[in-house]
């Protein structure tokens, strides 16, 4: 089993970006440009490595390889995006890898691309790239190219050596458990061994509501691979464990106008097998809350007025401050109730929310995360 933290270190120390490995400070697939560039790199790495895995490391400075991290990214539907836009799509996995020196909410993103052995191309137009385009790696660049029938395999032995040098061992596993228990000591850390092989650590603030147990500030890690499976400072989470599975049901707060109401968002089940393999299955549980259209239209107009004041840098009253805090979830609810232009308003608000304060920007990112899950499902 590969220790993904070791793998990232080995990739960073092995060489600069090349035909089997790329690094990024960050990616943003919320917009067409970011989505198109991400798809281009996936396509190029898959085509350039027909017989071995290739990787993208996200959260690393380009100049000096400093690991600065990115926000936890829990979009399990990223394969749906790949399948929608690429012909002969590779299998793509995005994993969140914690590093001890990073803040709790920061990780390094690791994208693993497993090729099919067939030429991958864009299925349809996106941004400035045309449907049918084929990309390859030219050194550290992903470039459109005319391809030969036979693709040369030049990286398999190098990648195999890097992966072999990144294998986990009992020392790494024990250190990972001890580090987790120490770091999360204020949030009731626990661990469980599955199938005498896998070690899962989790922590969270526990509360009991009507005989049901929920957790907030939840952190769940598969220690064997140094992969963070779940992290949230905002959501409520229910956890169910038996001898073979670890199940998470995630709830999101979509109450507004001085109300708190939680809705089931997604169920994640991690299944551990006897053959030292595991699988992660996710199922969207979310059903969009519906509100009276007349009332919602009034709230939508009020929120638009708040956005205009924010853009102009004007001072808010106490009640307007509350409306401003509700702005991301209000636009999300409006969009889910078929106010299609609400999502454009939310994206328009992004730079102003980021500049106003960190809490508002975090609420914006939470709204976009929910929207991304719903769209790609």
Protein backbone atom coordinates (compact mmCIF):
# COMPACT_ATOMS: atom_id res chain seq x y z
CA UNK A 1 0.00 0.00 0.00
CA UNK A 2 1.39 3.38 -1.02
CA UNK A 3 1.89 6.06 1.62
CA UNK A 4 0.65 9.09 -0.33
CA UNK A 5 2.58 11.59 1.76
CA UNK A 6 5.81 9.75 0.92
CA UNK A 7 4.77 9.57 -2.72
CA UNK A 8 4.33 13.35 -2.89
CA UNK A 9 7.74 13.92 -1.29
CA UNK A 10 9.35 11.51 -3.75
CA UNK A 11 7.65 13.17 -6.72
CA UNK A 12 8.79 16.61 -5.56
CA UNK A 13 12.37 15.48 -4.94
CA UNK A 14 12.69 13.35 -8.08
CA UNK A 15 12.56 16.00 -10.74
CA UNK A 16 10.83 19.08 -11.99
CA UNK A 17 7.51 18.72 -13.80
CA UNK A 18 7.79 16.23 -16.63
CA UNK A 19 5.74 13.90 -18.78
CA UNK A 20 4.38 11.84 -15.85
CA UNK A 21 4.04 14.48 -13.15
CA UNK A 22 2.72 18.02 -12.86
CA UNK A 23 2.40 20.39 -9.92
CA UNK A 24 0.04 23.28 -9.35
CA UNK A 25 -0.32 26.01 -6.75
CA UNK A 26 -4.09 25.50 -6.98
CA UNK A 27 -6.86 24.53 -9.38
CA UNK A 28 -10.38 25.90 -9.70
CA UNK A 29 -12.96 23.85 -11.57
CA UNK A 30 -15.79 26.17 -10.58
CA UNK A 31 -15.34 28.13 -13.82
CA UNK A 32 -14.96 27.09 -17.46
CA UNK A 33 -11.35 28.26 -17.80
CA UNK A 34 -10.16 26.33 -14.74
CA UNK A 35 -12.20 23.31 -15.74
CA UNK A 36 -10.78 23.37 -19.28
CA UNK A 37 -7.16 23.64 -18.11
CA UNK A 38 -7.64 20.79 -15.65
CA UNK A 39 -9.14 18.57 -18.38
CA UNK A 40 -6.26 19.47 -20.72
CA UNK A 41 -3.67 18.31 -18.16
CA UNK A 42 -5.59 15.09 -17.44
CA UNK A 43 -5.81 14.38 -21.18
CA UNK A 44 -2.11 15.11 -21.76
CA UNK A 45 -0.82 13.04 -18.85
CA UNK A 46 -3.05 10.10 -19.76
CA UNK A 47 -1.87 10.11 -23.39
CA UNK A 48 1.79 10.50 -22.45
CA UNK A 49 1.69 7.58 -20.01
CA UNK A 50 -0.25 4.73 -21.61
CA UNK A 51 1.14 2.05 -19.25
CA UNK A 52 1.76 3.77 -15.91
CA UNK A 53 0.09 6.10 -13.45
CA UNK A 54 0.73 9.82 -13.71
CA UNK A 55 0.18 12.47 -11.07
CA UNK A 56 -0.74 16.09 -10.39
CA UNK A 57 0.31 17.53 -7.01
CA UNK A 58 -1.75 20.56 -5.92
CA UNK A 59 -0.75 23.02 -3.22
CA UNK A 60 2.94 23.42 -4.06
CA UNK A 61 4.81 26.59 -4.98
CA UNK A 62 6.24 26.39 -8.49
CA UNK A 63 9.59 28.05 -7.82
CA UNK A 64 10.87 26.28 -4.69
CA UNK A 65 8.51 23.30 -4.22
CA UNK A 66 7.34 24.71 -0.89
CA UNK A 67 4.27 22.78 0.36
CA UNK A 68 1.69 25.46 1.17
CA UNK A 69 -1.48 23.39 0.80
CA UNK A 70 -4.99 24.03 -0.50
CA UNK A 71 -8.46 23.72 0.99
CA UNK A 72 -9.83 20.23 1.59
CA UNK A 73 -11.58 19.20 -1.62
CA UNK A 74 -14.22 16.49 -1.16
CA UNK A 75 -15.75 16.34 -4.62
CA UNK A 76 -16.22 12.61 -5.20
CA UNK A 77 -17.95 13.43 -8.51
CA UNK A 78 -14.79 14.57 -10.29
CA UNK A 79 -14.85 11.37 -12.39
CA UNK A 80 -18.27 12.45 -13.69
CA UNK A 81 -16.68 15.66 -15.00
CA UNK A 82 -13.89 13.68 -16.68
CA UNK A 83 -16.37 11.28 -18.29
CA UNK A 84 -18.55 14.12 -19.55
CA UNK A 85 -15.76 15.95 -21.39
CA UNK A 86 -13.22 13.30 -22.45
CA UNK A 87 -13.36 10.45 -24.94
CA UNK A 88 -11.61 7.31 -23.60
CA UNK A 89 -11.37 8.96 -20.17
CA UNK A 90 -8.76 7.68 -17.72
CA UNK A 91 -9.67 6.70 -14.15
CA UNK A 92 -8.97 9.78 -12.04
CA UNK A 93 -8.79 9.90 -8.26
CA UNK A 94 -8.44 13.05 -6.16
CA UNK A 95 -7.11 12.55 -2.63
CA UNK A 96 -6.47 14.97 0.25
CA UNK A 97 -3.09 14.38 1.90
CA UNK A 98 -2.44 16.02 5.31
CA UNK A 99 1.01 17.32 6.20
CA UNK A 100 1.97 18.02 9.84
CA UNK A 101 3.06 21.61 9.26
CA UNK A 102 -0.16 22.68 7.51
CA UNK A 103 -3.24 24.12 9.31
CA UNK A 104 -6.11 21.70 9.95
CA UNK A 105 -8.14 22.85 6.96
CA UNK A 106 -5.23 22.68 4.52
CA UNK A 107 -3.98 19.60 2.67
CA UNK A 108 -2.03 18.74 -0.46
CA UNK A 109 -4.21 17.54 -3.31
CA UNK A 110 -3.01 14.45 -5.13
CA UNK A 111 -4.58 13.58 -8.50
CA UNK A 112 -3.79 10.06 -9.71
CA UNK A 113 -4.44 9.36 -13.41
CA UNK A 114 -4.76 5.72 -14.47
CA UNK A 115 -4.83 5.46 -18.29
CA UNK A 116 -6.93 3.09 -20.39
CA UNK A 117 -4.23 2.55 -23.02
CA UNK A 118 -6.35 4.39 -25.60
CA UNK A 119 -5.95 7.90 -26.96
CA UNK A 120 -7.85 10.40 -24.79
CA UNK A 121 -9.34 13.49 -26.44
CA UNK A 122 -11.79 16.27 -25.69
CA UNK A 123 -15.34 15.12 -26.37
CA UNK A 124 -16.72 18.63 -26.89
CA UNK A 125 -15.71 22.30 -26.89
CA UNK A 126 -14.80 23.92 -23.60
CA UNK A 127 -13.38 27.41 -23.15
CA UNK A 128 -10.86 27.91 -25.99
CA UNK A 129 -10.24 24.20 -26.62
CA UNK A 130 -12.11 22.43 -29.42
CA UNK A 131 -13.81 19.08 -29.28
CA UNK A 132 -11.58 16.38 -30.74
CA UNK A 133 -8.36 18.02 -29.51
CA UNK A 134 -5.64 15.62 -28.32
CA UNK A 135 -3.00 16.75 -25.81
CA UNK A 136 0.39 15.31 -24.88
CA UNK A 137 3.10 16.36 -22.45
CA UNK A 138 6.05 18.16 -23.99
CA UNK A 139 8.44 18.33 -21.04
CA UNK A 140 6.46 20.22 -18.39
CA UNK A 141 3.87 21.58 -20.86
CA UNK A 142 0.57 20.07 -21.95
CA UNK A 143 0.36 20.73 -25.69
CA UNK A 144 -2.05 19.83 -28.53
CA UNK A 145 -0.33 17.45 -30.93
CA UNK A 146 -0.88 15.17 -33.88
CA UNK A 147 -0.22 11.68 -32.54
CA UNK A 148 1.33 8.57 -34.03
CA UNK A 149 -0.45 5.23 -33.89
CA UNK A 150 2.13 3.91 -31.42
CA UNK A 151 2.81 5.84 -28.22
CA UNK A 152 6.24 5.24 -26.72
CA UNK A 153 6.37 3.99 -23.14
CA UNK A 154 9.26 5.85 -21.53
CA UNK A 155 8.11 6.37 -17.91
CA UNK A 156 6.89 3.03 -16.56
CA UNK A 157 10.17 1.99 -14.90
CA UNK A 158 10.71 5.45 -13.35
CA UNK A 159 7.18 5.65 -11.96
CA UNK A 160 7.36 2.06 -10.67
CA UNK A 161 10.55 2.90 -8.77
CA UNK A 162 8.99 6.02 -7.23
CA UNK A 163 5.90 4.08 -6.15
CA UNK A 164 7.99 1.22 -4.71
CA UNK A 165 9.97 3.72 -2.63
CA UNK A 166 6.67 5.12 -1.27
CA UNK A 167 5.34 1.91 0.26
CA UNK A 168 3.93 2.13 3.77
CA UNK A 169 5.40 0.27 6.76
CA UNK A 170 4.48 -0.27 10.41
CA UNK A 171 6.62 2.65 11.58
CA UNK A 172 4.82 5.10 9.29
CA UNK A 173 1.45 3.69 10.40
CA UNK A 174 2.20 3.98 14.11
CA UNK A 175 3.63 7.48 13.71
CA UNK A 176 0.49 8.46 11.80
CA UNK A 177 -1.80 7.21 14.57
CA UNK A 178 0.22 8.94 17.30
CA UNK A 179 0.34 12.20 15.34
CA UNK A 180 -3.43 12.14 14.78
CA UNK A 181 -4.24 11.39 18.44
CA UNK A 182 -1.97 14.21 19.57
CA UNK A 183 -3.11 16.78 17.01
CA UNK A 184 -6.85 16.14 17.50
CA UNK A 185 -6.76 15.57 21.28
CA UNK A 186 -9.40 18.25 21.91
CA UNK A 187 -11.95 16.50 19.65
CA UNK A 188 -12.24 13.00 21.18
CA UNK A 189 -9.89 11.17 18.78
CA UNK A 190 -10.46 7.45 18.19
CA UNK A 191 -9.09 4.75 15.94
CA UNK A 192 -10.25 1.40 14.62
CA UNK A 193 -8.38 -1.38 12.86
CA UNK A 194 -10.26 -3.03 9.99
CA UNK A 195 -9.37 -6.52 8.68
CA UNK A 196 -6.19 -6.51 10.80
CA UNK A 197 -4.63 -4.18 8.25
CA UNK A 198 -6.35 -0.82 7.79
CA UNK A 199 -6.26 1.86 10.48
CA UNK A 200 -8.88 4.61 10.43
CA UNK A 201 -8.60 7.55 12.84
CA UNK A 202 -11.42 10.02 13.41
CA UNK A 203 -12.27 12.89 15.73
CA UNK A 204 -15.11 15.35 16.23
CA UNK A 205 -17.16 17.29 18.75
CA UNK A 206 -19.94 14.96 19.88
CA UNK A 207 -23.51 15.97 20.62
CA UNK A 208 -26.70 13.97 21.14
CA UNK A 209 -30.00 15.24 19.73
CA UNK A 210 -33.15 13.19 20.42
CA UNK A 211 -31.07 10.06 21.10
CA UNK A 212 -29.14 10.48 17.84
CA UNK A 213 -25.40 11.18 17.90
CA UNK A 214 -23.85 13.79 15.64
CA UNK A 215 -20.35 15.19 15.28
CA UNK A 216 -19.01 18.56 14.14
CA UNK A 217 -15.46 19.62 13.26
CA UNK A 218 -15.01 16.11 11.94
CA UNK A 219 -11.65 14.80 10.73
CA UNK A 220 -11.32 11.25 9.32
CA UNK A 221 -8.05 9.80 8.02
CA UNK A 222 -6.97 6.47 6.54
CA UNK A 223 -3.58 6.25 8.23
CA UNK A 224 -2.13 3.49 6.05
CA UNK A 225 -2.14 5.77 3.02
CA UNK A 226 -1.95 9.10 4.88
CA UNK A 227 -5.18 10.16 3.17
CA UNK A 228 -7.72 12.49 4.73
CA UNK A 229 -11.12 11.02 3.89
CA UNK A 230 -13.27 13.77 5.37
CA UNK A 231 -12.82 17.14 7.01
CA UNK A 232 -15.34 19.82 7.90
CA UNK A 233 -15.49 22.69 10.35
CA UNK A 234 -19.10 23.48 9.42
CA UNK A 235 -21.23 20.40 8.85
CA UNK A 236 -22.96 17.96 11.14
CA UNK A 237 -21.98 14.35 10.55
CA UNK A 238 -23.40 11.00 11.67
CA UNK A 239 -20.94 8.08 11.84
CA UNK A 240 -21.80 4.36 11.76
CA UNK A 241 -19.17 1.63 12.18
CA UNK A 242 -19.21 -2.15 11.97
CA UNK A 243 -16.50 -4.76 11.40
CA UNK A 244 -16.35 -4.19 7.63
CA UNK A 245 -17.51 -0.63 6.97
CA UNK A 246 -17.14 2.96 8.08
CA UNK A 247 -20.19 5.02 7.03
CA UNK A 248 -20.54 8.79 7.08
CA UNK A 249 -23.78 10.71 6.54
CA UNK A 250 -23.14 14.41 6.01
CA UNK A 251 -25.71 17.09 6.85
CA UNK A 252 -25.65 20.72 5.69
CA UNK A 253 -27.29 23.72 7.30
CA UNK A 254 -29.50 25.43 4.72
CA UNK A 255 -31.59 27.42 7.11
CA UNK A 256 -31.80 31.16 6.58
CA UNK A 257 -33.78 34.13 7.84
CA UNK A 258 -32.85 33.34 11.47
CA UNK A 259 -33.61 29.61 11.19
CA UNK A 260 -31.37 26.53 11.28
CA UNK A 261 -32.43 23.49 9.31
CA UNK A 262 -30.21 20.56 8.41
CA UNK A 263 -30.57 18.43 5.28
CA UNK A 264 -28.85 15.17 4.41
CA UNK A 265 -26.25 15.88 1.74
CA UNK A 266 -24.28 12.73 1.02
CA UNK A 267 -23.60 9.22 2.29
CA UNK A 268 -20.07 7.82 2.08
CA UNK A 269 -19.36 4.15 2.78
CA UNK A 270 -15.80 2.85 3.09
CA UNK A 271 -15.74 -0.94 2.71
CA UNK A 272 -12.69 -2.94 3.78
CA UNK A 273 -12.07 -6.29 2.12
CA UNK A 274 -10.18 -9.39 3.26
CA UNK A 275 -7.73 -9.13 0.35
CA UNK A 276 -6.15 -5.89 1.67
CA UNK A 277 -8.27 -3.71 -0.62
CA UNK A 278 -10.90 -1.12 0.18
CA UNK A 279 -13.50 0.82 -1.76
CA UNK A 280 -15.25 4.14 -1.21
CA UNK A 281 -18.81 4.57 -2.46
CA UNK A 282 -20.76 7.81 -2.28
CA UNK A 283 -24.43 8.45 -2.78
CA UNK A 284 -26.06 11.86 -2.96
CA UNK A 285 -28.99 12.07 -0.52
CA UNK A 286 -29.75 15.74 -1.00
CA UNK A 287 -33.22 16.95 -1.89
CA UNK A 288 -33.37 20.69 -2.47
CA UNK A 289 -35.62 22.55 0.00
CA UNK A 290 -38.51 24.34 -1.70
CA UNK A 291 -39.85 27.69 -0.54
CA UNK A 292 -42.75 29.93 -1.42
CA UNK A 293 -41.74 31.70 -4.63
CA UNK A 294 -43.25 35.07 -3.69
CA UNK A 295 -41.41 35.15 -0.36
CA UNK A 296 -38.21 33.93 -1.98
CA UNK A 297 -38.40 36.60 -4.66
CA UNK A 298 -38.56 39.28 -1.97
CA UNK A 299 -35.54 37.76 -0.16
CA UNK A 300 -33.66 37.49 -3.45
CA UNK A 301 -34.14 41.20 -4.21
CA UNK A 302 -33.06 42.13 -0.69
CA UNK A 303 -29.91 40.03 -1.10
CA UNK A 304 -29.16 41.72 -4.42
CA UNK A 305 -29.32 45.10 -2.66
CA UNK A 306 -26.93 43.83 0.03
CA UNK A 307 -24.51 42.69 -2.70
CA UNK A 308 -24.57 46.13 -4.29
CA UNK A 309 -23.73 47.78 -0.95
CA UNK A 310 -20.91 45.28 -0.46
CA UNK A 311 -19.48 46.06 -3.90
CA UNK A 312 -19.57 49.79 -3.15
CA UNK A 313 -17.92 49.35 0.27
CA UNK A 314 -20.83 50.92 2.13
CA UNK A 315 -21.54 50.46 5.86
CA UNK A 316 -24.14 47.90 6.94
CA UNK A 317 -26.74 48.10 9.68
CA UNK A 318 -26.95 45.29 12.26
CA UNK A 319 -29.80 43.59 10.34
CA UNK A 320 -27.93 43.98 7.05
CA UNK A 321 -24.89 42.31 8.60
CA UNK A 322 -27.07 39.25 9.22
CA UNK A 323 -28.36 39.38 5.62
CA UNK A 324 -24.75 39.59 4.42
CA UNK A 325 -23.82 36.49 6.42
CA UNK A 326 -26.78 34.69 4.84
CA UNK A 327 -25.88 35.84 1.32
CA UNK A 328 -24.13 32.63 0.09
CA UNK A 329 -26.80 30.23 1.35
CA UNK A 330 -29.60 32.55 0.16
CA UNK A 331 -28.28 32.59 -3.40
CA UNK A 332 -27.78 28.81 -3.23
CA UNK A 333 -31.37 28.22 -2.10
CA UNK A 334 -32.68 30.61 -4.75
CA UNK A 335 -30.74 28.73 -7.43
CA UNK A 336 -32.10 25.40 -6.19
CA UNK A 337 -35.57 26.93 -6.48
CA UNK A 338 -34.98 27.73 -10.17
CA UNK A 339 -33.76 31.32 -9.81
CA UNK A 340 -31.10 30.48 -12.42
CA UNK A 341 -29.38 33.86 -12.33
CA UNK A 342 -28.72 33.48 -8.58
CA UNK A 343 -25.59 31.43 -9.23
CA UNK A 344 -24.15 34.24 -11.36
CA UNK A 345 -24.79 36.62 -8.47
CA UNK A 346 -22.99 34.27 -6.08
CA UNK A 347 -19.95 34.05 -8.35
CA UNK A 348 -20.04 37.84 -8.77
CA UNK A 349 -19.89 38.19 -4.97
CA UNK A 350 -16.82 35.96 -4.54
CA UNK A 351 -14.01 38.59 -4.54
CA UNK A 352 -15.98 40.95 -2.31
CA UNK A 353 -16.80 38.24 0.25
CA UNK A 354 -13.14 37.19 0.30
CA UNK A 355 -12.04 40.77 0.93
CA UNK A 356 -14.71 41.42 3.60
CA UNK A 357 -13.67 38.65 6.00
CA UNK A 358 -12.58 35.01 6.16
CA UNK A 359 -15.85 33.73 7.66
CA UNK A 360 -17.95 35.05 4.76
CA UNK A 361 -15.53 33.60 2.23
CA UNK A 362 -15.67 30.22 3.97
CA UNK A 363 -19.48 30.29 3.77
CA UNK A 364 -19.20 31.09 0.06
CA UNK A 365 -16.92 28.08 -0.50
CA UNK A 366 -19.33 25.85 1.42
CA UNK A 367 -22.23 26.94 -0.81
CA UNK A 368 -20.16 26.27 -3.94
CA UNK A 369 -19.13 22.84 -2.61
CA UNK A 370 -22.77 21.83 -2.18
CA UNK A 371 -23.63 23.15 -5.62
CA UNK A 372 -20.74 21.23 -7.21
CA UNK A 373 -21.89 17.96 -5.66
CA UNK A 374 -25.46 18.48 -6.84
CA UNK A 375 -24.46 19.46 -10.40
CA UNK A 376 -22.09 16.56 -11.06
CA UNK A 377 -24.56 14.03 -9.67
